[in-house]
Amino acid sequence: MNDEMLNIALILGSTRPGRNGEVVNEWVYEIAKRRSDTNFELVDIKDFNLPLLDEPIPPSMGHIVKNTPRLGRPQETRPMGARIESRISLRDVSINIRPQ
Protein backbone atom coordinates (compact mmCIF):
# COMPACT_ATOMS: atom_id res chain seq x y z
CA MET A 1 0.00 0.00 0.00
CA ASN A 2 1.26 3.48 -0.87
CA ASP A 3 1.92 5.58 2.27
CA GLU A 4 1.42 8.87 0.43
CA MET A 5 -1.81 10.71 1.01
CA LEU A 6 -4.30 10.93 -1.81
CA ASN A 7 -5.06 14.50 -2.95
CA ILE A 8 -8.60 15.23 -4.08
CA ALA A 9 -10.08 18.46 -5.44
CA LEU A 10 -13.79 19.03 -4.79
CA ILE A 11 -14.73 21.29 -7.68
CA LEU A 12 -17.86 23.42 -7.50
CA GLY A 13 -18.84 23.76 -11.14
CA SER A 14 -21.55 26.41 -11.13
CA THR A 15 -21.35 30.18 -11.13
CA ARG A 16 -25.08 30.87 -11.19
CA PRO A 17 -26.56 33.38 -8.75
CA GLY A 18 -28.53 31.60 -6.04
CA ARG A 19 -26.71 28.33 -6.65
CA ASN A 20 -27.08 25.53 -4.11
CA GLY A 21 -23.78 23.88 -4.95
CA GLU A 22 -21.88 25.70 -2.22
CA VAL A 23 -23.95 23.94 0.44
CA VAL A 24 -23.53 20.57 -1.28
CA ASN A 25 -19.77 21.07 -1.78
CA GLU A 26 -19.31 22.02 1.88
CA TRP A 27 -21.40 19.00 2.98
CA VAL A 28 -19.26 16.64 0.87
CA TYR A 29 -16.10 18.31 2.24
CA GLU A 30 -17.20 17.96 5.88
CA ILE A 31 -17.78 14.24 5.41
CA ALA A 32 -14.68 13.69 3.27
CA LYS A 33 -12.22 15.41 5.59
CA ARG A 34 -12.94 12.79 8.26
CA ARG A 35 -10.55 10.58 6.33
CA SER A 36 -7.03 10.70 7.69
CA ASP A 37 -5.43 9.24 4.57
CA THR A 38 -6.61 11.90 2.12
CA ASN A 39 -6.20 15.66 1.56
CA PHE A 40 -9.20 17.53 0.19
CA GLU A 41 -9.32 21.00 -1.34
CA LEU A 42 -12.43 22.98 -2.22
CA VAL A 43 -12.14 24.60 -5.66
CA ASP A 44 -14.85 27.02 -6.77
CA ILE A 45 -14.71 27.97 -10.46
CA LYS A 46 -16.48 31.21 -9.55
CA ASP A 47 -13.19 32.34 -7.95
CA PHE A 48 -11.51 32.31 -11.38
CA ASN A 49 -13.81 34.90 -12.99
CA LEU A 50 -13.92 32.93 -16.22
CA PRO A 51 -15.72 34.32 -19.27
CA LEU A 52 -18.09 31.36 -19.25
CA LEU A 53 -20.31 30.88 -22.27
CA ASP A 54 -19.37 34.15 -23.96
CA GLU A 55 -16.72 32.84 -26.36
CA PRO A 56 -17.74 32.27 -29.97
CA ILE A 57 -15.31 29.32 -30.14
CA PRO A 58 -15.03 26.86 -27.24
CA PRO A 59 -11.73 27.15 -25.32
CA SER A 60 -11.21 23.42 -25.88
CA MET A 61 -10.52 24.27 -29.52
CA GLY A 62 -7.41 26.17 -28.39
CA HIS A 63 -8.26 29.35 -30.30
CA ILE A 64 -7.61 32.95 -29.33
CA VAL A 65 -10.85 34.86 -29.04
CA LYS A 66 -10.79 38.18 -30.89
CA ASN A 67 -13.63 39.78 -28.95
CA THR A 68 -15.83 38.50 -26.19
CA PRO A 69 -19.34 39.96 -25.99
CA ARG A 70 -19.13 40.55 -22.25
CA LEU A 71 -15.69 42.13 -22.14
CA GLY A 72 -15.52 43.63 -25.64
CA ARG A 73 -11.76 43.29 -25.83
CA PRO A 74 -9.20 40.74 -27.03
CA GLN A 75 -8.80 37.84 -24.69
CA GLU A 76 -6.86 34.59 -24.71
CA THR A 77 -8.86 31.72 -23.28
CA ARG A 78 -6.06 29.24 -22.63
CA PRO A 79 -4.35 31.17 -19.80
CA MET A 80 -7.63 31.22 -17.92
CA GLY A 81 -7.91 27.48 -18.23
CA ALA A 82 -4.29 27.22 -17.14
CA ARG A 83 -5.15 29.01 -13.88
CA ILE A 84 -7.63 26.29 -13.03
CA GLU A 85 -5.32 23.56 -14.26
CA SER A 86 -2.49 24.82 -12.04
CA ARG A 87 -4.84 24.61 -9.07
CA ILE A 88 -6.02 21.05 -9.69
CA SER A 89 -3.25 19.42 -11.73
CA LEU A 90 -1.37 18.25 -8.64
CA ARG A 91 -4.45 16.43 -7.38
CA ASP A 92 -4.82 12.71 -7.87
CA VAL A 93 -8.58 12.93 -8.31
CA SER A 94 -11.21 15.58 -8.87
CA ILE A 95 -14.84 15.33 -7.84
CA ASN A 96 -17.12 17.71 -9.68
CA ILE A 97 -20.16 19.11 -7.87
CA ARG A 98 -22.46 20.67 -10.45
CA PRO A 99 -26.11 21.30 -11.10
CA GLN A 100 -28.16 18.75 -12.96
C-alpha atoms as a PDB file:
ATOM      1  CA  MET A   1       0.000   0.000   0.000  1.00  0.00           C
ATOM      2  CA  ASN A   2       1.257   3.475  -0.867  1.00  0.00           C
ATOM      3  CA  ASP A   3       1.923   5.576   2.267  1.00  0.00           C
ATOM      4  CA  GLU A   4       1.421   8.871   0.429  1.00  0.00           C
ATOM      5  CA  MET A   5      -1.814  10.705   1.015  1.00  0.00           C
ATOM      6  CA  LEU A   6      -4.303  10.931  -1.814  1.00  0.00           C
ATOM      7  CA  ASN A   7      -5.055  14.502  -2.947  1.00  0.00           C
ATOM      8  CA  ILE A   8      -8.600  15.229  -4.079  1.00  0.00           C
ATOM      9  CA  ALA A   9     -10.079  18.464  -5.440  1.00  0.00           C
ATOM     10  CA  LEU A  10     -13.794  19.027  -4.790  1.00  0.00           C
ATOM     11  CA  ILE A  11     -14.734  21.290  -7.683  1.00  0.00           C
ATOM     12  CA  LEU A  12     -17.856  23.422  -7.497  1.00  0.00           C
ATOM     13  CA  GLY A  13     -18.843  23.756 -11.138  1.00  0.00           C
ATOM     14  CA  SER A  14     -21.554  26.409 -11.132  1.00  0.00           C
ATOM     15  CA  THR A  15     -21.348  30.182 -11.129  1.00  0.00           C
ATOM     16  CA  ARG A  16     -25.083  30.867 -11.194  1.00  0.00           C
ATOM     17  CA  PRO A  17     -26.560  33.381  -8.753  1.00  0.00           C
ATOM     18  CA  GLY A  18     -28.526  31.604  -6.043  1.00  0.00           C
ATOM     19  CA  ARG A  19     -26.715  28.326  -6.654  1.00  0.00           C
ATOM     20  CA  ASN A  20     -27.083  25.526  -4.112  1.00  0.00           C
ATOM     21  CA  GLY A  21     -23.780  23.884  -4.955  1.00  0.00           C
ATOM     22  CA  GLU A  22     -21.876  25.697  -2.217  1.00  0.00           C
ATOM     23  CA  VAL A  23     -23.948  23.941   0.435  1.00  0.00           C
ATOM     24  CA  VAL A  24     -23.526  20.571  -1.281  1.00  0.00           C
ATOM     25  CA  ASN A  25     -19.774  21.074  -1.784  1.00  0.00           C
ATOM     26  CA  GLU A  26     -19.308  22.024   1.881  1.00  0.00           C
ATOM     27  CA  TRP A  27     -21.402  19.002   2.975  1.00  0.00           C
ATOM     28  CA  VAL A  28     -19.260  16.639   0.873  1.00  0.00           C
ATOM     29  CA  TYR A  29     -16.098  18.307   2.240  1.00  0.00           C
ATOM     30  CA  GLU A  30     -17.196  17.965   5.883  1.00  0.00           C
ATOM     31  CA  ILE A  31     -17.781  14.237   5.405  1.00  0.00           C
ATOM     32  CA  ALA A  32     -14.684  13.685   3.272  1.00  0.00           C
ATOM     33  CA  LYS A  33     -12.221  15.412   5.594  1.00  0.00           C
ATOM     34  CA  ARG A  34     -12.939  12.791   8.260  1.00  0.00           C
ATOM     35  CA  ARG A  35     -10.549  10.581   6.329  1.00  0.00           C
ATOM     36  CA  SER A  36      -7.034  10.698   7.695  1.00  0.00           C
ATOM     37  CA  ASP A  37      -5.428   9.240   4.568  1.00  0.00           C
ATOM     38  CA  THR A  38      -6.610  11.903   2.118  1.00  0.00           C
ATOM     39  CA  ASN A  39      -6.202  15.657   1.564  1.00  0.00           C
ATOM     40  CA  PHE A  40      -9.202  17.529   0.187  1.00  0.00           C
ATOM     41  CA  GLU A  41      -9.324  21.003  -1.337  1.00  0.00           C
ATOM     42  CA  LEU A  42     -12.430  22.983  -2.218  1.00  0.00           C
ATOM     43  CA  VAL A  43     -12.137  24.595  -5.660  1.00  0.00           C
ATOM     44  CA  ASP A  44     -14.851  27.022  -6.770  1.00  0.00           C
ATOM     45  CA  ILE A  45     -14.707  27.971 -10.456  1.00  0.00           C
ATOM     46  CA  LYS A  46     -16.483  31.205  -9.553  1.00  0.00           C
ATOM     47  CA  ASP A  47     -13.187  32.340  -7.949  1.00  0.00           C
ATOM     48  CA  PHE A  48     -11.505  32.309 -11.379  1.00  0.00           C
ATOM     49  CA  ASN A  49     -13.808  34.899 -12.991  1.00  0.00           C
ATOM     50  CA  LEU A  50     -13.919  32.929 -16.217  1.00  0.00           C
ATOM     51  CA  PRO A  51     -15.720  34.318 -19.267  1.00  0.00           C
ATOM     52  CA  LEU A  52     -18.086  31.357 -19.248  1.00  0.00           C
ATOM     53  CA  LEU A  53     -20.308  30.876 -22.267  1.00  0.00           C
ATOM     54  CA  ASP A  54     -19.368  34.146 -23.963  1.00  0.00           C
ATOM     55  CA  GLU A  55     -16.723  32.841 -26.356  1.00  0.00           C
ATOM     56  CA  PRO A  56     -17.744  32.274 -29.972  1.00  0.00           C
ATOM     57  CA  ILE A  57     -15.311  29.323 -30.137  1.00  0.00           C
ATOM     58  CA  PRO A  58     -15.028  26.862 -27.235  1.00  0.00           C
ATOM     59  CA  PRO A  59     -11.727  27.146 -25.318  1.00  0.00           C
ATOM     60  CA  SER A  60     -11.214  23.421 -25.879  1.00  0.00           C
ATOM     61  CA  MET A  61     -10.519  24.271 -29.521  1.00  0.00           C
ATOM     62  CA  GLY A  62      -7.412  26.171 -28.390  1.00  0.00           C
ATOM     63  CA  HIS A  63      -8.264  29.355 -30.301  1.00  0.00           C
ATOM     64  CA  ILE A  64      -7.613  32.946 -29.331  1.00  0.00           C
ATOM     65  CA  VAL A  65     -10.848  34.856 -29.038  1.00  0.00           C
ATOM     66  CA  LYS A  66     -10.794  38.177 -30.894  1.00  0.00           C
ATOM     67  CA  ASN A  67     -13.631  39.780 -28.953  1.00  0.00           C
ATOM     68  CA  THR A  68     -15.827  38.502 -26.187  1.00  0.00           C
ATOM     69  CA  PRO A  69     -19.339  39.955 -25.990  1.00  0.00           C
ATOM     70  CA  ARG A  70     -19.126  40.550 -22.253  1.00  0.00           C
ATOM     71  CA  LEU A  71     -15.689  42.129 -22.141  1.00  0.00           C
ATOM     72  CA  GLY A  72     -15.517  43.630 -25.636  1.00  0.00           C
ATOM     73  CA  ARG A  73     -11.761  43.294 -25.827  1.00  0.00           C
ATOM     74  CA  PRO A  74      -9.203  40.742 -27.027  1.00  0.00           C
ATOM     75  CA  GLN A  75      -8.804  37.838 -24.694  1.00  0.00           C
ATOM     76  CA  GLU A  76      -6.862  34.587 -24.706  1.00  0.00           C
ATOM     77  CA  THR A  77      -8.858  31.718 -23.281  1.00  0.00           C
ATOM     78  CA  ARG A  78      -6.065  29.237 -22.631  1.00  0.00           C
ATOM     79  CA  PRO A  79      -4.345  31.172 -19.796  1.00  0.00           C
ATOM     80  CA  MET A  80      -7.635  31.220 -17.923  1.00  0.00           C
ATOM     81  CA  GLY A  81      -7.910  27.478 -18.234  1.00  0.00           C
ATOM     82  CA  ALA A  82      -4.294  27.217 -17.138  1.00  0.00           C
ATOM     83  CA  ARG A  83      -5.149  29.010 -13.876  1.00  0.00           C
ATOM     84  CA  ILE A  84      -7.632  26.293 -13.026  1.00  0.00           C
ATOM     85  CA  GLU A  85      -5.318  23.565 -14.263  1.00  0.00           C
ATOM     86  CA  SER A  86      -2.491  24.816 -12.040  1.00  0.00           C
ATOM     87  CA  ARG A  87      -4.836  24.610  -9.070  1.00  0.00           C
ATOM     88  CA  ILE A  88      -6.020  21.053  -9.689  1.00  0.00           C
ATOM     89  CA  SER A  89      -3.248  19.418 -11.733  1.00  0.00           C
ATOM     90  CA  LEU A  90      -1.369  18.248  -8.645  1.00  0.00           C
ATOM     91  CA  ARG A  91      -4.446  16.429  -7.384  1.00  0.00           C
ATOM     92  CA  ASP A  92      -4.819  12.705  -7.871  1.00  0.00           C
ATOM     93  CA  VAL A  93      -8.581  12.931  -8.308  1.00  0.00           C
ATOM     94  CA  SER A  94     -11.206  15.576  -8.873  1.00  0.00           C
ATOM     95  CA  ILE A  95     -14.840  15.333  -7.843  1.00  0.00           C
ATOM     96  CA  ASN A  96     -17.123  17.714  -9.681  1.00  0.00           C
ATOM     97  CA  ILE A  97     -20.161  19.107  -7.870  1.00  0.00           C
ATOM     98  CA  ARG A  98     -22.458  20.670 -10.452  1.00  0.00           C
ATOM     99  CA  PRO A  99     -26.114  21.296 -11.097  1.00  0.00           C
ATOM    100  CA  GLN A 100     -28.157  18.752 -12.963  1.00  0.00           C
END
